[in-house]
């Protein structure tokens, strides 16, 4: 007979908890519900949303929480910028669960302090399964994972851009002991001194509908696989790397590619550990025919082999290869992209 009132009491607590969820409005001039994004996150409780108005926030060392949404006012990266000013990484997620979301920010000038092994310049996700959506990581630096580093967990990156990152390994994204999903993302102008714009160690990330352009690494300028890694790469373009072959593989590493276009990488396309996959499972090596990649436009000419119906082997890839669809008519003669224009991405 006592179970009913106990159940009712629990239900009342749960309903009250859900009803108390709050939205914290943050303004660049400090006059919002909390003076800074950091203060808003620190003050927020589970289920709350922290909304940053458009503008630039000169903050670093932010610590994200589980069950929290951090979003810019418009949800677009060109609205709100978190500028770490090279003081520290911009943001970290420690043990953040799958309901933690970071949406619509430009994250820039993140760099961990030099007194520690420098990991995760823009963002560090440790044992986390957070969702990062519509964010641009630009001009960040770290020894490992200049844009973002995932250590454990299964975080999700959707519709993000990783631009002009600089580091030793994984200037875009570094994965260790983790299986992140990287969907619809752009990687351009990143420089890895050693290996991998995306690097995975004992990890099996999925990389779907992504575009790699004009990156640089001594080994694996597109994807570098350390030991015991099996990334699944689908409907992705890896193109025009300015140094380094497209892939590199370590011990017991087996990248599996489907419907990918690997083309124009200065030191090799379908070479080494992926050489047998060219021409199989819809994989090709053909000019993707970007509308204006040198100026950051990764839409495709209408005759691009990466668009549905244009596959040179007639293969049905179930959609486009790369991030974006058609954005311009096919030129009568393709003007080749110059190496100088590509290298300008690194400035």
Foldseek 3Di string as FASTA:
>chain_A
DVVVVVVVVVVVVVVVVLVPAEEWEEEQPQPTNGRAQLRVQVPGDAQYEYEYFFDEGQAADREHAANYEYAYPVLAQNGYEHAPLLPAARYEYELHEANYEYTHHEFENFWHDPVDQIAARHYEYEQYAYEYENYEYEHAEGQYARRYEYEHEAYEYYNYEYAQAEHAEQSHYEYENYAYEYYLYEYAQYEHAAEEVYEYELYAYEAEQAEYEQAEHQEQRHYEYEANYEYEYELEEHEQHPHYENYYYYHNYAYHYAQYEFEHHPPYTCDDRRVVCDPPRNYHHDDQAFPCVLVPGREHAPQGCQAPPNPPVNDGRPGGRHNYYHDHHDDPDDDDDDVVSSNVSND
